[in-house]
């Protein structure tokens, strides 16, 4: 079985003092889903940031998952770790003309400026609150993780040194 590396990003932003989750509408799959795609001559963290910019037009900051950092003075650069990795069987697509496996590296990120696109997005994009998760046609695993993460985002953002993420959009930046 062919296995390909992909990167997916759960993008969050605080808008009107509530955490929102960013979704793109995938035209081929006809579903709302989180931004992401194939790793292309880059590491998975670089692919994650690139895919969000391409698909949503927004810059994001990846959040570090729980775990120990490398010791000071470690001799090689660290690559941002994903929060989760999983394997997903997929049908033929534009990259591979036969069924294959996506080894997906799932990241969490904050959009520091949720209202501004810095580039034209490739796909329709929207911000959703937890109440929207039951009303949209969203990929099941994305819906499950978003429902788990949204109520915890204030604590997650604070625990990962994203002081500005704990402020409402347009609020003070730390």
N, C-alpha and C. Protein backbone atom coordinates (compact mmCIF):
# COMPACT_ATOMS: atom_id res chain seq x y z
N UNK A 1 0.85 -1.18 0.00
CA UNK A 1 0.00 0.00 0.00
C UNK A 1 0.89 1.24 0.00
N UNK A 2 0.56 2.20 -0.82
CA UNK A 2 1.29 3.47 -0.89
C UNK A 2 0.87 4.33 0.30
N UNK A 3 1.86 4.94 0.97
CA UNK A 3 1.59 5.85 2.08
C UNK A 3 2.19 7.21 1.76
N UNK A 4 1.40 8.26 1.98
CA UNK A 4 1.83 9.63 1.70
C UNK A 4 1.65 10.48 2.95
N UNK A 5 2.62 11.35 3.21
CA UNK A 5 2.53 12.26 4.36
C UNK A 5 1.63 13.44 4.02
N UNK A 6 0.73 13.74 4.96
CA UNK A 6 -0.12 14.92 4.85
C UNK A 6 -0.07 15.68 6.17
N UNK A 7 -0.51 16.92 6.12
CA UNK A 7 -0.59 17.76 7.32
C UNK A 7 -1.96 18.43 7.34
N UNK A 8 -2.61 18.36 8.47
CA UNK A 8 -3.93 18.96 8.67
C UNK A 8 -3.83 19.91 9.86
N UNK A 9 -4.58 21.02 9.79
CA UNK A 9 -4.49 22.03 10.84
C UNK A 9 -5.87 22.38 11.37
N UNK A 10 -6.01 22.29 12.69
CA UNK A 10 -7.19 22.78 13.37
C UNK A 10 -6.90 24.23 13.72
N UNK A 11 -7.50 25.16 12.97
CA UNK A 11 -7.23 26.59 13.12
C UNK A 11 -8.29 27.19 14.04
N UNK A 12 -7.83 27.91 15.07
CA UNK A 12 -8.72 28.54 16.03
C UNK A 12 -8.45 30.04 16.11
N UNK A 13 -9.49 30.77 16.46
CA UNK A 13 -9.36 32.22 16.69
C UNK A 13 -10.45 32.64 17.66
N UNK A 14 -10.14 33.67 18.43
CA UNK A 14 -11.16 34.20 19.32
C UNK A 14 -11.80 35.40 18.63
N UNK A 15 -13.13 35.31 18.44
CA UNK A 15 -13.89 36.35 17.78
C UNK A 15 -15.08 36.66 18.68
N UNK A 16 -15.28 37.95 18.97
CA UNK A 16 -16.37 38.35 19.87
C UNK A 16 -16.35 37.56 21.17
N UNK A 17 -15.18 37.39 21.72
CA UNK A 17 -14.92 36.73 23.00
C UNK A 17 -15.34 35.26 23.06
N UNK A 18 -15.41 34.62 21.88
CA UNK A 18 -15.70 33.19 21.83
C UNK A 18 -14.72 32.53 20.88
N UNK A 19 -14.32 31.31 21.22
CA UNK A 19 -13.42 30.58 20.33
C UNK A 19 -14.18 30.08 19.12
N UNK A 20 -13.56 30.26 17.97
CA UNK A 20 -14.11 29.81 16.69
C UNK A 20 -13.12 28.87 16.04
N UNK A 21 -13.63 28.01 15.18
CA UNK A 21 -12.87 26.99 14.48
C UNK A 21 -13.00 27.26 12.99
N UNK A 22 -11.86 27.32 12.29
CA UNK A 22 -11.88 27.62 10.86
C UNK A 22 -12.04 26.38 10.01
N UNK A 23 -12.93 26.47 9.02
CA UNK A 23 -13.17 25.36 8.10
C UNK A 23 -13.11 25.85 6.65
N UNK A 24 -12.62 24.98 5.77
CA UNK A 24 -12.69 25.25 4.34
C UNK A 24 -13.75 24.33 3.75
N UNK A 25 -14.33 24.74 2.63
CA UNK A 25 -15.25 23.87 1.91
C UNK A 25 -14.47 23.24 0.77
N UNK A 26 -14.36 21.90 0.81
CA UNK A 26 -13.58 21.19 -0.20
C UNK A 26 -14.50 20.88 -1.39
N UNK A 27 -14.21 21.47 -2.55
CA UNK A 27 -15.13 21.32 -3.69
C UNK A 27 -15.24 19.89 -4.23
N UNK A 28 -14.17 19.11 -4.21
CA UNK A 28 -14.23 17.74 -4.73
C UNK A 28 -14.97 16.82 -3.74
N UNK A 29 -14.69 17.00 -2.44
CA UNK A 29 -15.31 16.15 -1.43
C UNK A 29 -16.68 16.65 -0.98
N UNK A 30 -16.98 17.91 -1.32
CA UNK A 30 -18.27 18.54 -0.99
C UNK A 30 -18.59 18.47 0.50
N UNK A 31 -17.57 18.79 1.31
CA UNK A 31 -17.74 18.82 2.77
C UNK A 31 -16.89 19.95 3.34
N UNK A 32 -17.31 20.39 4.52
CA UNK A 32 -16.50 21.33 5.29
C UNK A 32 -15.44 20.52 6.03
N UNK A 33 -14.23 21.01 6.03
CA UNK A 33 -13.14 20.30 6.69
C UNK A 33 -12.05 21.30 7.09
N UNK A 34 -11.09 20.81 7.87
CA UNK A 34 -9.99 21.69 8.24
C UNK A 34 -8.98 21.74 7.10
N UNK A 35 -8.21 22.82 7.07
CA UNK A 35 -7.21 23.01 6.02
C UNK A 35 -6.12 21.95 6.13
N UNK A 36 -5.59 21.58 5.00
CA UNK A 36 -4.49 20.62 5.01
C UNK A 36 -4.25 20.04 3.64
N UNK A 37 -3.18 19.26 3.54
CA UNK A 37 -2.86 18.64 2.27
C UNK A 37 -1.54 17.90 2.33
N UNK A 38 -1.05 17.56 1.17
CA UNK A 38 0.17 16.76 1.04
C UNK A 38 1.42 17.56 1.41
N UNK A 39 2.39 16.85 1.97
CA UNK A 39 3.70 17.41 2.26
C UNK A 39 4.48 17.41 0.94
N UNK A 40 5.05 18.56 0.60
CA UNK A 40 5.73 18.73 -0.69
C UNK A 40 7.15 19.26 -0.47
N UNK A 41 8.13 18.39 -0.38
CA UNK A 41 9.53 18.80 -0.25
C UNK A 41 9.73 19.77 0.91
N UNK A 42 9.14 19.45 2.06
CA UNK A 42 9.19 20.28 3.26
C UNK A 42 8.88 19.36 4.44
N UNK A 43 9.08 19.85 5.64
CA UNK A 43 8.66 19.03 6.77
C UNK A 43 7.16 19.23 7.00
N UNK A 44 6.59 18.42 7.87
CA UNK A 44 5.14 18.45 8.05
C UNK A 44 4.65 19.76 8.66
N UNK A 45 5.44 20.37 9.54
CA UNK A 45 5.05 21.66 10.13
C UNK A 45 5.02 22.75 9.06
N UNK A 46 6.02 22.75 8.20
CA UNK A 46 6.04 23.74 7.11
C UNK A 46 4.85 23.52 6.18
N UNK A 47 4.54 22.26 5.90
CA UNK A 47 3.38 21.95 5.05
C UNK A 47 2.08 22.43 5.71
N UNK A 48 1.97 22.26 7.02
CA UNK A 48 0.77 22.69 7.73
C UNK A 48 0.54 24.18 7.59
N UNK A 49 1.58 24.98 7.83
CA UNK A 49 1.46 26.43 7.73
C UNK A 49 1.18 26.85 6.28
N UNK A 50 1.87 26.23 5.33
CA UNK A 50 1.67 26.55 3.91
C UNK A 50 0.24 26.23 3.47
N UNK A 51 -0.26 25.06 3.85
CA UNK A 51 -1.61 24.67 3.45
C UNK A 51 -2.67 25.62 4.00
N UNK A 52 -2.51 26.05 5.25
CA UNK A 52 -3.47 27.02 5.81
C UNK A 52 -3.43 28.31 5.02
N UNK A 53 -2.24 28.81 4.72
CA UNK A 53 -2.13 30.06 3.96
C UNK A 53 -2.77 29.89 2.58
N UNK A 54 -2.46 28.79 1.88
CA UNK A 54 -3.02 28.59 0.55
C UNK A 54 -4.53 28.44 0.57
N UNK A 55 -5.04 27.65 1.50
CA UNK A 55 -6.46 27.31 1.48
C UNK A 55 -7.35 28.34 2.15
N UNK A 56 -6.82 29.08 3.14
CA UNK A 56 -7.65 30.06 3.86
C UNK A 56 -7.21 31.50 3.64
N UNK A 57 -5.99 31.70 3.17
CA UNK A 57 -5.45 33.05 3.01
C UNK A 57 -4.98 33.66 4.31
N UNK A 58 -4.86 32.87 5.37
CA UNK A 58 -4.50 33.40 6.69
C UNK A 58 -3.19 32.83 7.20
N UNK A 59 -2.48 33.67 7.96
CA UNK A 59 -1.29 33.23 8.68
C UNK A 59 -1.73 32.61 10.00
N UNK A 60 -1.01 31.59 10.44
CA UNK A 60 -1.28 30.96 11.73
C UNK A 60 0.01 30.73 12.49
N UNK A 61 -0.15 30.51 13.78
CA UNK A 61 0.96 30.13 14.66
C UNK A 61 0.63 28.75 15.20
N UNK A 62 1.50 27.78 14.94
CA UNK A 62 1.29 26.43 15.44
C UNK A 62 1.47 26.39 16.95
N UNK A 63 0.65 25.60 17.63
CA UNK A 63 0.75 25.42 19.07
C UNK A 63 1.50 24.13 19.37
N UNK A 64 2.39 24.20 20.34
CA UNK A 64 3.19 23.03 20.74
C UNK A 64 2.30 22.06 21.52
N UNK A 65 2.34 20.77 21.15
CA UNK A 65 1.57 19.79 21.92
C UNK A 65 2.24 19.51 23.25
N UNK A 66 1.51 18.90 24.18
CA UNK A 66 2.14 18.54 25.45
C UNK A 66 3.34 17.63 25.21
N UNK A 67 4.32 17.75 26.05
CA UNK A 67 5.51 16.90 25.94
C UNK A 67 6.74 17.68 26.36
N UNK A 68 7.82 16.97 26.49
CA UNK A 68 9.06 17.59 26.93
C UNK A 68 9.78 18.26 25.77
N UNK A 69 10.30 19.46 25.98
CA UNK A 69 11.11 20.09 24.94
C UNK A 69 12.48 19.44 24.88
N UNK A 70 13.17 19.66 23.79
CA UNK A 70 14.55 19.18 23.70
C UNK A 70 15.41 19.95 24.69
N UNK A 71 16.50 19.37 25.17
CA UNK A 71 17.35 20.08 26.12
C UNK A 71 18.06 21.26 25.45
N UNK A 72 18.37 22.27 26.25
CA UNK A 72 19.12 23.43 25.75
C UNK A 72 20.42 22.95 25.12
N UNK A 73 20.76 23.54 24.00
CA UNK A 73 22.00 23.18 23.33
C UNK A 73 21.91 21.95 22.45
N UNK A 74 20.72 21.37 22.30
CA UNK A 74 20.58 20.19 21.44
C UNK A 74 21.12 20.54 20.06
N UNK A 75 21.94 19.68 19.45
CA UNK A 75 22.72 20.08 18.28
C UNK A 75 22.00 20.17 16.93
N UNK A 76 20.74 19.77 16.85
CA UNK A 76 20.02 19.88 15.58
C UNK A 76 18.69 20.59 15.80
N UNK A 77 18.19 21.30 14.78
CA UNK A 77 16.94 22.05 14.95
C UNK A 77 15.74 21.13 15.18
N UNK A 78 14.83 21.61 16.00
CA UNK A 78 13.60 20.87 16.26
C UNK A 78 12.54 21.28 15.23
N UNK A 79 11.75 20.31 14.78
CA UNK A 79 10.61 20.56 13.91
C UNK A 79 9.37 20.51 14.80
N UNK A 80 8.45 21.45 14.61
CA UNK A 80 7.22 21.46 15.40
C UNK A 80 6.51 20.12 15.28
N UNK A 81 6.15 19.56 16.44
CA UNK A 81 5.50 18.25 16.48
C UNK A 81 3.99 18.40 16.28
N UNK A 82 3.39 17.40 15.63
CA UNK A 82 1.92 17.42 15.54
C UNK A 82 1.31 17.01 16.87
N UNK A 83 0.04 17.33 17.05
CA UNK A 83 -0.68 16.90 18.24
C UNK A 83 -1.06 15.42 18.11
N UNK A 84 -1.40 15.01 16.91
CA UNK A 84 -1.77 13.62 16.65
C UNK A 84 -1.27 13.22 15.27
N UNK A 85 -1.14 11.90 15.09
CA UNK A 85 -0.87 11.33 13.77
C UNK A 85 -1.82 10.16 13.60
N UNK A 86 -2.35 10.03 12.38
CA UNK A 86 -3.19 8.87 12.11
C UNK A 86 -3.07 8.50 10.65
N UNK A 87 -3.58 7.32 10.33
CA UNK A 87 -3.57 6.84 8.95
C UNK A 87 -5.00 6.76 8.45
N UNK A 88 -5.20 7.29 7.25
CA UNK A 88 -6.53 7.36 6.67
C UNK A 88 -6.49 6.74 5.27
N UNK A 89 -7.28 5.71 5.06
CA UNK A 89 -7.39 5.12 3.72
C UNK A 89 -8.19 6.07 2.84
N UNK A 90 -7.64 6.42 1.68
CA UNK A 90 -8.30 7.36 0.77
C UNK A 90 -8.37 6.76 -0.64
N UNK A 91 -9.36 7.19 -1.40
CA UNK A 91 -9.44 6.73 -2.79
C UNK A 91 -8.41 7.45 -3.66
N UNK A 92 -8.33 7.08 -4.90
CA UNK A 92 -7.45 7.76 -5.84
C UNK A 92 -7.74 9.26 -5.80
N UNK A 93 -6.68 10.05 -5.95
CA UNK A 93 -6.85 11.51 -5.97
C UNK A 93 -5.88 12.11 -6.98
N UNK A 94 -5.73 13.42 -6.96
CA UNK A 94 -4.87 14.10 -7.90
C UNK A 94 -3.39 13.79 -7.73
N UNK A 95 -3.01 13.26 -6.59
CA UNK A 95 -1.61 12.92 -6.33
C UNK A 95 -1.29 11.47 -6.68
N UNK A 96 -2.24 10.57 -6.42
CA UNK A 96 -1.99 9.15 -6.61
C UNK A 96 -3.22 8.53 -7.27
N UNK A 97 -3.04 7.88 -8.43
CA UNK A 97 -4.18 7.37 -9.20
C UNK A 97 -4.77 6.05 -8.70
N UNK A 98 -4.46 5.66 -7.48
CA UNK A 98 -5.00 4.43 -6.91
C UNK A 98 -5.27 4.66 -5.42
N UNK A 99 -6.09 3.82 -4.81
CA UNK A 99 -6.32 3.96 -3.37
C UNK A 99 -4.98 3.90 -2.62
N UNK A 100 -4.89 4.69 -1.55
CA UNK A 100 -3.64 4.77 -0.79
C UNK A 100 -3.93 5.23 0.63
N UNK A 101 -2.90 5.42 1.40
CA UNK A 101 -3.02 5.83 2.81
C UNK A 101 -2.40 7.22 2.97
N UNK A 102 -3.13 8.10 3.65
CA UNK A 102 -2.56 9.37 4.09
C UNK A 102 -2.10 9.20 5.53
N UNK A 103 -0.82 9.42 5.79
CA UNK A 103 -0.29 9.46 7.14
C UNK A 103 -0.40 10.92 7.54
N UNK A 104 -1.45 11.24 8.29
CA UNK A 104 -1.80 12.63 8.57
C UNK A 104 -1.20 13.11 9.88
N UNK A 105 -0.53 14.23 9.82
CA UNK A 105 0.07 14.91 10.98
C UNK A 105 -0.86 16.06 11.32
N UNK A 106 -1.54 15.97 12.46
CA UNK A 106 -2.57 16.94 12.83
C UNK A 106 -2.02 17.97 13.81
N UNK A 107 -2.11 19.24 13.43
CA UNK A 107 -1.61 20.35 14.21
C UNK A 107 -2.76 21.21 14.72
N UNK A 108 -2.50 21.94 15.81
CA UNK A 108 -3.39 22.98 16.30
C UNK A 108 -2.70 24.30 16.05
N UNK A 109 -3.48 25.32 15.68
CA UNK A 109 -2.91 26.63 15.40
C UNK A 109 -3.88 27.72 15.79
N UNK A 110 -3.32 28.89 16.03
CA UNK A 110 -4.08 30.11 16.31
C UNK A 110 -3.90 31.05 15.13
N UNK A 111 -4.98 31.66 14.69
CA UNK A 111 -4.91 32.73 13.70
C UNK A 111 -4.90 34.04 14.49
N UNK A 112 -3.73 34.70 14.61
CA UNK A 112 -3.65 35.92 15.41
C UNK A 112 -4.58 37.04 14.91
N UNK A 113 -4.84 37.10 13.60
CA UNK A 113 -5.75 38.10 13.05
C UNK A 113 -6.82 37.37 12.24
N UNK A 114 -7.92 36.98 12.89
CA UNK A 114 -8.92 36.16 12.21
C UNK A 114 -9.72 36.88 11.14
N UNK A 115 -9.68 38.20 11.12
CA UNK A 115 -10.53 38.94 10.19
C UNK A 115 -9.83 39.31 8.89
N UNK A 116 -8.52 39.11 8.81
CA UNK A 116 -7.77 39.57 7.65
C UNK A 116 -7.17 38.41 6.87
N UNK A 117 -7.45 38.37 5.59
CA UNK A 117 -6.78 37.44 4.69
C UNK A 117 -5.57 38.16 4.11
N UNK A 118 -4.43 37.49 4.09
CA UNK A 118 -3.23 38.08 3.51
C UNK A 118 -3.02 37.60 2.08
N UNK A 119 -3.81 36.63 1.65
CA UNK A 119 -3.75 36.10 0.30
C UNK A 119 -5.15 35.60 -0.07
N UNK A 120 -5.40 35.47 -1.36
CA UNK A 120 -6.69 34.95 -1.80
C UNK A 120 -6.79 33.46 -1.45
N UNK A 121 -7.82 33.06 -0.71
CA UNK A 121 -7.95 31.65 -0.35
C UNK A 121 -8.34 30.80 -1.55
N UNK A 122 -7.84 29.55 -1.58
CA UNK A 122 -8.18 28.61 -2.65
C UNK A 122 -9.59 28.06 -2.49
N UNK A 123 -10.10 28.04 -1.26
CA UNK A 123 -11.40 27.43 -1.00
C UNK A 123 -12.26 28.40 -0.20
N UNK A 124 -13.59 28.22 -0.26
CA UNK A 124 -14.44 28.99 0.65
C UNK A 124 -14.03 28.68 2.10
N UNK A 125 -14.03 29.71 2.94
CA UNK A 125 -13.58 29.59 4.33
C UNK A 125 -14.61 30.22 5.24
N UNK A 126 -14.78 29.63 6.43
CA UNK A 126 -15.69 30.22 7.42
C UNK A 126 -15.21 29.90 8.82
N UNK A 127 -15.59 30.78 9.75
CA UNK A 127 -15.37 30.53 11.17
C UNK A 127 -16.64 29.94 11.74
N UNK A 128 -16.50 28.94 12.61
CA UNK A 128 -17.64 28.26 13.24
C UNK A 128 -17.46 28.25 14.75
N UNK A 129 -18.57 28.32 15.44
CA UNK A 129 -18.57 28.13 16.89
C UNK A 129 -19.02 26.70 17.17
N UNK A 130 -18.93 26.28 18.42
CA UNK A 130 -19.30 24.90 18.74
C UNK A 130 -20.74 24.58 18.36
N UNK A 131 -21.65 25.56 18.45
CA UNK A 131 -23.05 25.31 18.09
C UNK A 131 -23.21 25.02 16.60
N UNK A 132 -22.28 25.48 15.76
CA UNK A 132 -22.35 25.25 14.32
C UNK A 132 -21.96 23.83 13.93
N UNK A 133 -21.24 23.14 14.79
CA UNK A 133 -20.72 21.82 14.43
C UNK A 133 -21.84 20.82 14.10
N UNK A 134 -22.99 20.97 14.72
CA UNK A 134 -24.10 20.05 14.45
C UNK A 134 -24.91 20.42 13.22
N UNK A 135 -24.69 21.61 12.66
CA UNK A 135 -25.51 22.06 11.54
C UNK A 135 -24.82 21.98 10.19
N UNK A 136 -23.52 21.71 10.17
CA UNK A 136 -22.77 21.67 8.91
C UNK A 136 -22.38 20.24 8.55
N UNK A 137 -22.24 20.01 7.25
CA UNK A 137 -21.75 18.72 6.78
C UNK A 137 -20.23 18.74 6.90
N UNK A 138 -19.74 18.24 8.05
CA UNK A 138 -18.32 18.26 8.38
C UNK A 138 -17.81 16.82 8.45
N UNK A 139 -16.60 16.60 7.97
CA UNK A 139 -15.96 15.29 8.07
C UNK A 139 -16.03 14.83 9.53
N UNK A 140 -16.42 13.58 9.76
CA UNK A 140 -16.71 13.07 11.11
C UNK A 140 -15.55 13.22 12.08
N UNK A 141 -14.32 12.87 11.68
CA UNK A 141 -13.21 12.96 12.62
C UNK A 141 -12.88 14.41 12.95
N UNK A 142 -13.04 15.30 11.98
CA UNK A 142 -12.83 16.73 12.22
C UNK A 142 -13.85 17.26 13.21
N UNK A 143 -15.10 16.87 13.03
CA UNK A 143 -16.17 17.32 13.94
C UNK A 143 -15.91 16.84 15.36
N UNK A 144 -15.48 15.59 15.50
CA UNK A 144 -15.24 15.01 16.81
C UNK A 144 -14.11 15.76 17.55
N UNK A 145 -12.99 15.98 16.85
CA UNK A 145 -11.87 16.67 17.51
C UNK A 145 -12.19 18.14 17.77
N UNK A 146 -12.87 18.81 16.85
CA UNK A 146 -13.25 20.21 17.07
C UNK A 146 -14.16 20.34 18.28
N UNK A 147 -15.12 19.43 18.42
CA UNK A 147 -16.03 19.47 19.57
C UNK A 147 -15.28 19.26 20.88
N UNK A 148 -14.24 18.46 20.85
CA UNK A 148 -13.43 18.23 22.05
C UNK A 148 -12.56 19.45 22.35
N UNK A 149 -12.00 20.07 21.31
CA UNK A 149 -11.03 21.15 21.50
C UNK A 149 -11.65 22.51 21.82
N UNK A 150 -12.75 22.87 21.17
CA UNK A 150 -13.31 24.21 21.34
C UNK A 150 -13.51 24.61 22.80
N UNK A 151 -14.11 23.77 23.65
CA UNK A 151 -14.31 24.18 25.04
C UNK A 151 -13.00 24.31 25.83
N UNK A 152 -11.90 23.78 25.30
CA UNK A 152 -10.62 23.81 26.01
C UNK A 152 -9.63 24.85 25.47
N UNK A 153 -10.02 25.60 24.45
CA UNK A 153 -9.06 26.45 23.76
C UNK A 153 -8.46 27.55 24.64
N UNK A 154 -9.20 28.11 25.55
CA UNK A 154 -8.61 29.13 26.42
C UNK A 154 -7.45 28.54 27.22
N UNK A 155 -7.65 27.36 27.78
CA UNK A 155 -6.59 26.72 28.55
C UNK A 155 -5.44 26.26 27.66
N UNK A 156 -5.75 25.72 26.49
CA UNK A 156 -4.70 25.27 25.57
C UNK A 156 -3.85 26.44 25.13
N UNK A 157 -4.47 27.53 24.73
CA UNK A 157 -3.73 28.70 24.26
C UNK A 157 -2.86 29.27 25.38
N UNK A 158 -3.42 29.38 26.57
CA UNK A 158 -2.66 29.92 27.69
C UNK A 158 -1.49 29.02 28.06
N UNK A 159 -1.70 27.72 28.03
CA UNK A 159 -0.65 26.77 28.40
C UNK A 159 0.49 26.73 27.40
N UNK A 160 0.25 27.22 26.23
CA UNK A 160 1.27 27.17 25.18
C UNK A 160 1.85 28.53 24.85
N UNK A 161 1.77 29.43 25.82
CA UNK A 161 2.44 30.71 25.67
C UNK A 161 1.83 31.63 24.65
N UNK A 162 0.57 31.43 24.32
CA UNK A 162 -0.08 32.29 23.34
C UNK A 162 -0.95 33.29 24.08
N UNK A 163 -0.31 34.20 24.80
CA UNK A 163 -1.05 35.18 25.59
C UNK A 163 -2.00 35.98 24.72
N UNK A 164 -1.56 36.36 23.50
CA UNK A 164 -2.45 37.14 22.64
C UNK A 164 -3.65 36.32 22.20
N UNK A 165 -3.51 34.99 22.16
CA UNK A 165 -4.64 34.17 21.74
C UNK A 165 -5.73 34.15 22.81
N UNK A 166 -5.38 34.47 24.04
CA UNK A 166 -6.38 34.47 25.10
C UNK A 166 -7.16 35.78 25.13
N UNK A 167 -6.77 36.73 24.30
CA UNK A 167 -7.48 38.00 24.22
C UNK A 167 -8.51 37.96 23.09
N UNK A 168 -9.61 38.68 23.23
CA UNK A 168 -10.57 38.76 22.13
C UNK A 168 -9.93 39.41 20.90
N UNK A 169 -10.44 39.09 19.71
CA UNK A 169 -9.92 39.71 18.50
C UNK A 169 -10.02 41.22 18.64
N UNK A 170 -8.95 41.92 18.30
CA UNK A 170 -8.92 43.37 18.43
C UNK A 170 -8.56 43.83 19.83
N UNK A 171 -8.44 42.90 20.78
CA UNK A 171 -8.08 43.25 22.16
C UNK A 171 -6.59 43.44 22.31
N UNK A 172 -6.14 43.67 23.52
CA UNK A 172 -4.71 43.88 23.74
C UNK A 172 -3.89 42.68 23.35
N UNK A 173 -2.69 42.93 22.89
CA UNK A 173 -1.78 41.86 22.51
C UNK A 173 -0.64 41.83 23.52
N UNK A 174 -0.27 40.59 23.97
CA UNK A 174 0.76 40.48 24.98
C UNK A 174 2.05 39.94 24.47
